[in-house]
Structures are given as C-alpha cells and as structure tokens.
Amino acid sequence: NPAPMYVLFVEAGSRVGYRWETAHDVPMACEVNWLDPEPDRYSSDYEKYIEELQEINGQVDIYRGYHQPPTRDEYWTIHGMIEDY
C-alpha cells in the first residue's frame, strides 16, 4: 500500500515537473521530478527559474532524497520520528 500522498505539478520559470506531497494541513513534499531540461543559463528565463527553484527546494524537508513516495511503512516510521521529536 502506498503512503497517503498525491501528485502536485510545479513550475519554476518555464520548467515543469511533479512531486508527491502529503495531504496534511501543512503539506510535506518530496523532491521534484522534472519533465524537461533546465533552461539555458543565458536565457531570459534563467533568473526567474533559479528564484522559483530555490523556493520549491525550500519546501522539501523530511522527504529530501525521495523522488517517489515512501512506502507506507517508511511513511509511518518517518512520521513517528517527528512525533517523538
């Protein structure tokens, strides 16, 4: 059984990707799976891309390193550690 998460599409500049998030009051996000390449660093979109990418990456915390949702057991182990903290 999968963890209780859903797919969310994200954009950074012209780049599009998706990630998995929990359905809690405060969503917890996995890493982004990008669907297209990073824009060229000399393009007019690059600065906006970097700013939005930093914001997106800042939203990843306990699921850093997860590009797919954790298993149900991993999910409950992670959330058990948070509650113990």
Protein backbone atom coordinates (compact mmCIF):
# COMPACT_ATOMS: atom_id res chain seq x y z
CA ASN A 1 0.00 0.00 0.00
CA PRO A 2 1.33 3.45 -0.84
CA ALA A 3 1.70 6.28 1.65
CA PRO A 4 -1.21 8.80 1.75
CA MET A 5 0.23 11.23 -0.79
CA TYR A 6 -0.89 12.87 -4.02
CA VAL A 7 0.84 14.27 -7.11
CA LEU A 8 1.26 18.03 -7.49
CA PHE A 9 2.56 19.73 -10.64
CA VAL A 10 5.12 22.50 -10.07
CA GLU A 11 6.67 25.20 -12.25
CA ALA A 12 9.95 27.03 -11.95
CA GLY A 13 10.19 29.59 -14.70
CA SER A 14 9.38 27.71 -17.89
CA ARG A 15 10.35 24.34 -16.39
CA VAL A 16 7.59 21.92 -15.34
CA GLY A 17 7.76 18.93 -13.04
CA TYR A 18 5.78 16.99 -10.48
CA ARG A 19 6.27 15.87 -6.91
CA TRP A 20 4.46 13.91 -4.29
CA GLU A 21 3.00 15.68 -1.23
CA THR A 22 1.18 14.60 1.88
CA ALA A 23 -2.46 15.57 2.28
CA HIS A 24 -1.93 17.15 5.72
CA ASP A 25 -2.91 20.66 6.79
CA VAL A 26 0.76 21.55 6.24
CA PRO A 27 1.81 19.57 3.14
CA MET A 28 5.17 17.80 3.22
CA ALA A 29 6.79 17.46 -0.19
CA CYS A 30 9.11 15.01 -1.92
CA GLU A 31 11.78 16.10 -4.40
CA VAL A 32 10.64 17.28 -7.86
CA ASN A 33 10.75 15.01 -10.90
CA TRP A 34 11.41 17.42 -13.77
CA LEU A 35 9.77 16.72 -17.12
CA ASP A 36 12.05 18.93 -19.18
CA PRO A 37 15.66 20.12 -19.03
CA GLU A 38 16.92 23.09 -17.05
CA PRO A 39 16.76 26.33 -19.06
CA ASP A 40 19.99 27.62 -20.53
CA ARG A 41 21.79 29.82 -18.01
CA TYR A 42 21.96 32.63 -20.57
CA SER A 43 18.23 32.59 -21.33
CA SER A 44 15.97 35.42 -20.18
CA ASP A 45 14.04 32.89 -18.04
CA TYR A 46 17.02 31.56 -16.09
CA GLU A 47 16.96 34.05 -13.19
CA LYS A 48 13.23 33.51 -12.60
CA TYR A 49 13.82 29.75 -12.81
CA ILE A 50 16.55 29.87 -10.13
CA GLU A 51 14.43 32.01 -7.77
CA GLU A 52 11.41 29.72 -8.08
CA LEU A 53 13.60 26.59 -7.87
CA GLN A 54 15.05 27.79 -4.55
CA GLU A 55 11.53 28.32 -3.21
CA ILE A 56 10.44 24.85 -4.38
CA ASN A 57 13.54 23.18 -2.93
CA GLY A 58 12.99 25.03 0.35
CA GLN A 59 9.64 23.27 0.71
CA VAL A 60 11.34 19.85 0.81
CA ASP A 61 12.24 18.76 4.33
CA ILE A 62 11.67 15.29 5.73
CA TYR A 63 11.29 13.76 2.26
CA ARG A 64 14.61 15.11 0.92
CA GLY A 65 16.02 12.39 -1.33
CA TYR A 66 12.59 10.91 -2.07
CA HIS A 67 11.54 11.33 -5.69
CA GLN A 68 8.75 8.79 -5.26
CA PRO A 69 6.51 8.47 -2.23
CA PRO A 70 7.86 6.39 0.63
CA THR A 71 6.32 3.03 1.30
CA ARG A 72 3.54 3.02 3.87
CA ASP A 73 5.98 1.59 6.46
CA GLU A 74 8.60 4.26 5.70
CA TYR A 75 5.91 6.93 5.89
CA TRP A 76 4.74 5.84 9.35
CA THR A 77 8.34 5.45 10.59
CA ILE A 78 9.20 8.99 9.43
CA HIS A 79 6.06 10.46 11.00
CA GLY A 80 6.64 8.50 14.21
CA MET A 81 10.11 10.07 14.49
CA ILE A 82 8.61 13.54 14.00
CA GLU A 83 6.06 12.98 16.76
CA ASP A 84 8.80 11.70 19.10
CA TYR A 85 10.85 14.83 18.42
